[in-house]
Amino acid sequence: MRITVIVKPNARQERVERLPDGSYRVAVHAPPTDGKANERLLALVAAHFNVRPSAVSLVHGATGRRKLIEVLL
């Protein structure tokens, strides 16, 4: 399954929420430097869908806020 994610780095509270258009908004504590926010994003998405972290991968958008993520269920 592929999902579109909008990331908010440096957030006070981490959360994953589904938006009305079917995409997700994910807030992470990590800063957007050295890929730290992307690593935390993948971990949060894996926890949200109850899959192992290796089942979640970043397909597109490594440097932007809008990302395409693949989740293997």
PDB file of N, CA and C in Angstrom:
ATOM      1  N   MET A   1       0.854  -1.160   0.000  1.00  0.00           N
ATOM      2  CA  MET A   1       0.000   0.000   0.000  1.00  0.00           C
ATOM      3  C   MET A   1       0.906   1.232   0.000  1.00  0.00           C
ATOM      4  N   ARG A   2       0.583   2.195  -0.835  1.00  0.00           N
ATOM      5  CA  ARG A   2       1.332   3.449  -0.862  1.00  0.00           C
ATOM      6  C   ARG A   2       0.452   4.568  -0.311  1.00  0.00           C
ATOM      7  N   ILE A   3       1.053   5.382   0.540  1.00  0.00           N
ATOM      8  CA  ILE A   3       0.316   6.492   1.142  1.00  0.00           C
ATOM      9  C   ILE A   3       1.104   7.787   0.956  1.00  0.00           C
ATOM     10  N   THR A   4       0.375   8.887   0.869  1.00  0.00           N
ATOM     11  CA  THR A   4       0.982  10.210   0.825  1.00  0.00           C
ATOM     12  C   THR A   4       1.009  10.755   2.244  1.00  0.00           C
ATOM     13  N   VAL A   5       2.161  11.302   2.622  1.00  0.00           N
ATOM     14  CA  VAL A   5       2.357  11.792   3.982  1.00  0.00           C
ATOM     15  C   VAL A   5       2.877  13.220   3.932  1.00  0.00           C
ATOM     16  N   ILE A   6       2.327  14.058   4.785  1.00  0.00           N
ATOM     17  CA  ILE A   6       2.837  15.412   4.980  1.00  0.00           C
ATOM     18  C   ILE A   6       3.484  15.432   6.360  1.00  0.00           C
ATOM     19  N   VAL A   7       4.757  15.784   6.413  1.00  0.00           N
ATOM     20  CA  VAL A   7       5.524  15.707   7.655  1.00  0.00           C
ATOM     21  C   VAL A   7       5.680  17.082   8.278  1.00  0.00           C
ATOM     22  N   LYS A   8       5.554  17.124   9.607  1.00  0.00           N
ATOM     23  CA  LYS A   8       5.811  18.341  10.367  1.00  0.00           C
ATOM     24  C   LYS A   8       6.952  18.050  11.340  1.00  0.00           C
ATOM     25  N   PRO A   9       8.190  18.432  10.983  1.00  0.00           N
ATOM     26  CA  PRO A   9       9.321  18.186  11.885  1.00  0.00           C
ATOM     27  C   PRO A   9       9.340  19.176  13.053  1.00  0.00           C
ATOM     28  N   ASN A  10      10.129  18.869  14.061  1.00  0.00           N
ATOM     29  CA  ASN A  10      10.278  19.707  15.264  1.00  0.00           C
ATOM     30  C   ASN A  10       8.957  19.952  15.975  1.00  0.00           C
ATOM     31  N   ALA A  11       8.052  18.983  15.942  1.00  0.00           N
ATOM     32  CA  ALA A  11       6.746  19.134  16.590  1.00  0.00           C
ATOM     33  C   ALA A  11       6.868  18.910  18.086  1.00  0.00           C
ATOM     34  N   ARG A  12       5.985  19.501  18.838  1.00  0.00           N
ATOM     35  CA  ARG A  12       5.987  19.304  20.288  1.00  0.00           C
ATOM     36  C   ARG A  12       5.485  17.916  20.647  1.00  0.00           C
ATOM     37  N   GLN A  13       4.490  17.444  19.905  1.00  0.00           N
ATOM     38  CA  GLN A  13       3.889  16.140  20.195  1.00  0.00           C
ATOM     39  C   GLN A  13       3.894  15.297  18.927  1.00  0.00           C
ATOM     40  N   GLU A  14       4.311  14.040  19.034  1.00  0.00           N
ATOM     41  CA  GLU A  14       4.320  13.160  17.873  1.00  0.00           C
ATOM     42  C   GLU A  14       2.934  12.557  17.681  1.00  0.00           C
ATOM     43  N   ARG A  15       2.481  12.542  16.427  1.00  0.00           N
ATOM     44  CA  ARG A  15       1.172  11.963  16.132  1.00  0.00           C
ATOM     45  C   ARG A  15       1.056  11.622  14.654  1.00  0.00           C
ATOM     46  N   VAL A  16       0.146  10.701  14.386  1.00  0.00           N
ATOM     47  CA  VAL A  16      -0.194  10.311  13.016  1.00  0.00           C
ATOM     48  C   VAL A  16      -1.693  10.506  12.887  1.00  0.00           C
ATOM     49  N   GLU A  17      -2.117  11.311  11.924  1.00  0.00           N
ATOM     50  CA  GLU A  17      -3.547  11.520  11.727  1.00  0.00           C
ATOM     51  C   GLU A  17      -3.894  11.416  10.248  1.00  0.00           C
ATOM     52  N   ARG A  18      -5.049  10.818   9.995  1.00  0.00           N
ATOM     53  CA  ARG A  18      -5.519  10.657   8.624  1.00  0.00           C
ATOM     54  C   ARG A  18      -6.336  11.887   8.236  1.00  0.00           C
ATOM     55  N   LEU A  19      -6.074  12.414   7.047  1.00  0.00           N
ATOM     56  CA  LEU A  19      -6.781  13.584   6.545  1.00  0.00           C
ATOM     57  C   LEU A  19      -7.962  13.139   5.683  1.00  0.00           C
ATOM     58  N   PRO A  20      -8.952  14.007   5.470  1.00  0.00           N
ATOM     59  CA  PRO A  20     -10.142  13.631   4.697  1.00  0.00           C
ATOM     60  C   PRO A  20      -9.851  13.170   3.262  1.00  0.00           C
ATOM     61  N   ASP A  21      -8.757  13.621   2.674  1.00  0.00           N
ATOM     62  CA  ASP A  21      -8.449  13.225   1.295  1.00  0.00           C
ATOM     63  C   ASP A  21      -7.732  11.876   1.217  1.00  0.00           C
ATOM     64  N   GLY A  22      -7.527  11.202   2.356  1.00  0.00           N
ATOM     65  CA  GLY A  22      -6.894   9.892   2.372  1.00  0.00           C
ATOM     66  C   GLY A  22      -5.407   9.923   2.654  1.00  0.00           C
ATOM     67  N   SER A  23      -4.809  11.101   2.671  1.00  0.00           N
ATOM     68  CA  SER A  23      -3.389  11.204   3.005  1.00  0.00           C
ATOM     69  C   SER A  23      -3.246  11.277   4.528  1.00  0.00           C
ATOM     70  N   TYR A  24      -2.015  11.316   4.988  1.00  0.00           N
ATOM     71  CA  TYR A  24      -1.735  11.358   6.424  1.00  0.00           C
ATOM     72  C   TYR A  24      -0.873  12.563   6.752  1.00  0.00           C
ATOM     73  N   ARG A  25      -1.063  13.095   7.957  1.00  0.00           N
ATOM     74  CA  ARG A  25      -0.204  14.146   8.489  1.00  0.00           C
ATOM     75  C   ARG A  25       0.513  13.544   9.686  1.00  0.00           C
ATOM     76  N   VAL A  26       1.842  13.624   9.675  1.00  0.00           N
ATOM     77  CA  VAL A  26       2.642  13.023  10.750  1.00  0.00           C
ATOM     78  C   VAL A  26       3.524  14.105  11.356  1.00  0.00           C
ATOM     79  N   ALA A  27       3.405  14.287  12.663  1.00  0.00           N
ATOM     80  CA  ALA A  27       4.235  15.235  13.397  1.00  0.00           C
ATOM     81  C   ALA A  27       5.316  14.448  14.126  1.00  0.00           C
ATOM     82  N   VAL A  28       6.568  14.881  13.974  1.00  0.00           N
ATOM     83  CA  VAL A  28       7.696  14.193  14.610  1.00  0.00           C
ATOM     84  C   VAL A  28       8.528  15.184  15.421  1.00  0.00           C
ATOM     85  N   HIS A  29       9.139  14.690  16.514  1.00  0.00           N
ATOM     86  CA  HIS A  29      10.013  15.524  17.340  1.00  0.00           C
ATOM     87  C   HIS A  29      11.316  15.868  16.630  1.00  0.00           C
ATOM     88  N   ALA A  30      11.788  14.970  15.798  1.00  0.00           N
ATOM     89  CA  ALA A  30      13.126  15.064  15.207  1.00  0.00           C
ATOM     90  C   ALA A  30      13.261  16.260  14.264  1.00  0.00           C
ATOM     91  N   PRO A  31      14.451  16.837  14.204  1.00  0.00           N
ATOM     92  CA  PRO A  31      14.708  17.945  13.273  1.00  0.00           C
ATOM     93  C   PRO A  31      14.913  17.407  11.850  1.00  0.00           C
ATOM     94  N   PRO A  32      14.699  18.250  10.851  1.00  0.00           N
ATOM     95  CA  PRO A  32      14.826  17.796   9.461  1.00  0.00           C
ATOM     96  C   PRO A  32      16.265  17.815   8.946  1.00  0.00           C
ATOM     97  N   THR A  33      17.211  17.440   9.783  1.00  0.00           N
ATOM     98  CA  THR A  33      18.613  17.425   9.367  1.00  0.00           C
ATOM     99  C   THR A  33      19.157  16.005   9.428  1.00  0.00           C
ATOM    100  N   ASP A  34      20.034  15.689   8.505  1.00  0.00           N
ATOM    101  CA  ASP A  34      20.707  14.386   8.445  1.00  0.00           C
ATOM    102  C   ASP A  34      19.737  13.208   8.372  1.00  0.00           C
ATOM    103  N   GLY A  35      18.529  13.418   7.866  1.00  0.00           N
ATOM    104  CA  GLY A  35      17.570  12.334   7.710  1.00  0.00           C
ATOM    105  C   GLY A  35      16.915  11.862   8.998  1.00  0.00           C
ATOM    106  N   LYS A  36      17.090  12.610  10.085  1.00  0.00           N
ATOM    107  CA  LYS A  36      16.535  12.200  11.374  1.00  0.00           C
ATOM    108  C   LYS A  36      15.011  12.204  11.360  1.00  0.00           C
ATOM    109  N   ALA A  37      14.412  13.219  10.736  1.00  0.00           N
ATOM    110  CA  ALA A  37      12.951  13.289  10.673  1.00  0.00           C
ATOM    111  C   ALA A  37      12.402  12.144   9.819  1.00  0.00           C
ATOM    112  N   ASN A  38      13.090  11.789   8.744  1.00  0.00           N
ATOM    113  CA  ASN A  38      12.634  10.685   7.898  1.00  0.00           C
ATOM    114  C   ASN A  38      12.693   9.362   8.653  1.00  0.00           C
ATOM    115  N   GLU A  39      13.752   9.144   9.422  1.00  0.00           N
ATOM    116  CA  GLU A  39      13.873   7.917  10.207  1.00  0.00           C
ATOM    117  C   GLU A  39      12.737   7.806  11.224  1.00  0.00           C
ATOM    118  N   ARG A  40      12.471   8.894  11.905  1.00  0.00           N
ATOM    119  CA  ARG A  40      11.399   8.887  12.915  1.00  0.00           C
ATOM    120  C   ARG A  40      10.037   8.730  12.246  1.00  0.00           C
ATOM    121  N   LEU A  41       9.864   9.352  11.083  1.00  0.00           N
ATOM    122  CA  LEU A  41       8.616   9.223  10.326  1.00  0.00           C
ATOM    123  C   LEU A  41       8.340   7.760  10.003  1.00  0.00           C
ATOM    124  N   LEU A  42       9.327   7.057   9.489  1.00  0.00           N
ATOM    125  CA  LEU A  42       9.144   5.657   9.121  1.00  0.00           C
ATOM    126  C   LEU A  42       8.819   4.805  10.351  1.00  0.00           C
ATOM    127  N   ALA A  43       9.444   5.113  11.484  1.00  0.00           N
ATOM    128  CA  ALA A  43       9.163   4.370  12.716  1.00  0.00           C
ATOM    129  C   ALA A  43       7.726   4.611  13.192  1.00  0.00           C
ATOM    130  N   LEU A  44       7.261   5.847  13.124  1.00  0.00           N
ATOM    131  CA  LEU A  44       5.891   6.164  13.548  1.00  0.00           C
ATOM    132  C   LEU A  44       4.854   5.532  12.629  1.00  0.00           C
ATOM    133  N   VAL A  45       5.108   5.546  11.329  1.00  0.00           N
ATOM    134  CA  VAL A  45       4.173   4.936  10.378  1.00  0.00           C
ATOM    135  C   VAL A  45       4.118   3.426  10.608  1.00  0.00           C
ATOM    136  N   ALA A  46       5.263   2.798  10.864  1.00  0.00           N
ATOM    137  CA  ALA A  46       5.294   1.364  11.144  1.00  0.00           C
ATOM    138  C   ALA A  46       4.480   1.040  12.397  1.00  0.00           C
ATOM    139  N   ALA A  47       4.634   1.832  13.435  1.00  0.00           N
ATOM    140  CA  ALA A  47       3.877   1.614  14.666  1.00  0.00           C
ATOM    141  C   ALA A  47       2.382   1.830  14.445  1.00  0.00           C
ATOM    142  N   HIS A  48       2.027   2.827  13.641  1.00  0.00           N
ATOM    143  CA  HIS A  48       0.622   3.133  13.371  1.00  0.00           C
ATOM    144  C   HIS A  48      -0.072   1.972  12.660  1.00  0.00           C
ATOM    145  N   PHE A  49       0.612   1.347  11.709  1.00  0.00           N
ATOM    146  CA  PHE A  49       0.026   0.248  10.942  1.00  0.00           C
ATOM    147  C   PHE A  49       0.347  -1.128  11.531  1.00  0.00           C
ATOM    148  N   ASN A  50       1.005  -1.170  12.683  1.00  0.00           N
ATOM    149  CA  ASN A  50       1.374  -2.424  13.340  1.00  0.00           C
ATOM    150  C   ASN A  50       2.172  -3.353  12.441  1.00  0.00           C
ATOM    151  N   VAL A  51       3.200  -2.814  11.809  1.00  0.00           N
ATOM    152  CA  VAL A  51       4.111  -3.620  10.990  1.00  0.00           C
ATOM    153  C   VAL A  51       5.522  -3.369  11.495  1.00  0.00           C
ATOM    154  N   ARG A  52       6.438  -4.245  11.116  1.00  0.00           N
ATOM    155  CA  ARG A  52       7.827  -4.063  11.526  1.00  0.00           C
ATOM    156  C   ARG A  52       8.432  -2.881  10.753  1.00  0.00           C
ATOM    157  N   PRO A  53       9.395  -2.188  11.303  1.00  0.00           N
ATOM    158  CA  PRO A  53       9.982  -1.015  10.633  1.00  0.00           C
ATOM    159  C   PRO A  53      10.571  -1.320   9.263  1.00  0.00           C
ATOM    160  N   SER A  54      11.044  -2.538   9.047  1.00  0.00           N
ATOM    161  CA  SER A  54      11.614  -2.879   7.741  1.00  0.00           C
ATOM    162  C   SER A  54      10.549  -3.004   6.659  1.00  0.00           C
ATOM    163  N   ALA A  55       9.264  -3.025   7.036  1.00  0.00           N
ATOM    164  CA  ALA A  55       8.170  -3.121   6.077  1.00  0.00           C
ATOM    165  C   ALA A  55       7.719  -1.755   5.571  1.00  0.00           C
ATOM    166  N   VAL A  56       8.369  -0.698   6.030  1.00  0.00           N
ATOM    167  CA  VAL A  56       8.005   0.668   5.640  1.00  0.00           C
ATOM    168  C   VAL A  56       9.205   1.294   4.936  1.00  0.00           C
ATOM    169  N   SER A  57       8.962   1.874   3.752  1.00  0.00           N
ATOM    170  CA  SER A  57      10.075   2.500   3.021  1.00  0.00           C
ATOM    171  C   SER A  57       9.626   3.808   2.386  1.00  0.00           C
ATOM    172  N   LEU A  58      10.578   4.680   2.224  1.00  0.00           N
ATOM    173  CA  LEU A  58      10.368   5.981   1.607  1.00  0.00           C
ATOM    174  C   LEU A  58      10.580   5.834   0.104  1.00  0.00           C
ATOM    175  N   VAL A  59       9.536   6.115  -0.682  1.00  0.00           N
ATOM    176  CA  VAL A  59       9.605   5.955  -2.129  1.00  0.00           C
ATOM    177  C   VAL A  59      10.027   7.248  -2.804  1.00  0.00           C
ATOM    178  N   HIS A  60       9.450   8.364  -2.349  1.00  0.00           N
ATOM    179  CA  HIS A  60       9.694   9.642  -3.010  1.00  0.00           C
ATOM    180  C   HIS A  60       9.569  10.774  -1.995  1.00  0.00           C
ATOM    181  N   GLY A  61      10.378  11.811  -2.134  1.00  0.00           N
ATOM    182  CA  GLY A  61      10.248  13.006  -1.314  1.00  0.00           C
ATOM    183  C   GLY A  61      11.163  13.059  -0.119  1.00  0.00           C
ATOM    184  N   ALA A  62      12.367  12.565  -0.248  1.00  0.00           N
ATOM    185  CA  ALA A  62      13.285  12.515   0.890  1.00  0.00           C
ATOM    186  C   ALA A  62      13.611  13.895   1.460  1.00  0.00           C
ATOM    187  N   THR A  63      13.587  14.946   0.635  1.00  0.00           N
ATOM    188  CA  THR A  63      13.973  16.267   1.130  1.00  0.00           C
ATOM    189  C   THR A  63      12.799  17.226   1.291  1.00  0.00           C
ATOM    190  N   GLY A  64      11.607  16.836   0.915  1.00  0.00           N
ATOM    191  CA  GLY A  64      10.448  17.719   1.029  1.00  0.00           C
ATOM    192  C   GLY A  64       9.541  17.307   2.168  1.00  0.00           C
ATOM    193  N   ARG A  65       8.512  18.088   2.411  1.00  0.00           N
ATOM    194  CA  ARG A  65       7.548  17.754   3.458  1.00  0.00           C
ATOM    195  C   ARG A  65       6.512  16.758   2.977  1.00  0.00           C
ATOM    196  N   ARG A  66       6.234  16.737   1.684  1.00  0.00           N
ATOM    197  CA  ARG A  66       5.271  15.782   1.118  1.00  0.00           C
ATOM    198  C   ARG A  66       6.040  14.563   0.631  1.00  0.00           C
ATOM    199  N   LYS A  67       5.663  13.395   1.136  1.00  0.00           N
ATOM    200  CA  LYS A  67       6.407  12.169   0.847  1.00  0.00           C
ATOM    201  C   LYS A  67       5.458  11.062   0.408  1.00  0.00           C
ATOM    202  N   LEU A  68       5.994  10.122  -0.329  1.00  0.00           N
ATOM    203  CA  LEU A  68       5.274   8.926  -0.716  1.00  0.00           C
ATOM    204  C   LEU A  68       5.932   7.763   0.008  1.00  0.00           C
ATOM    205  N   ILE A  69       5.129   7.029   0.787  1.00  0.00           N
ATOM    206  CA  ILE A  69       5.642   5.950   1.620  1.00  0.00           C
ATOM    207  C   ILE A  69       4.962   4.646   1.214  1.00  0.00           C
ATOM    208  N   GLU A  70       5.736   3.575   1.159  1.00  0.00           N
ATOM    209  CA  GLU A  70       5.183   2.257   0.866  1.00  0.00           C
ATOM    210  C   GLU A  70       5.188   1.433   2.155  1.00  0.00           C
ATOM    211  N   VAL A  71       4.013   0.855   2.454  1.00  0.00           N
ATOM    212  CA  VAL A  71       3.848   0.020   3.642  1.00  0.00           C
ATOM    213  C   VAL A  71       3.468  -1.376   3.164  1.00  0.00           C
ATOM    214  N   LEU A  72       4.276  -2.359   3.533  1.00  0.00           N
ATOM    215  CA  LEU A  72       3.995  -3.748   3.171  1.00  0.00           C
ATOM    216  C   LEU A  72       3.197  -4.378   4.307  1.00  0.00           C
ATOM    217  N   LEU A  73       1.938  -4.658   4.037  1.00  0.00           N
ATOM    218  CA  LEU A  73       1.056  -5.232   5.075  1.00  0.00           C
ATOM    219  C   LEU A  73       1.070  -6.735   5.029  1.00  0.00           C
TER     220      LEU A  73
END
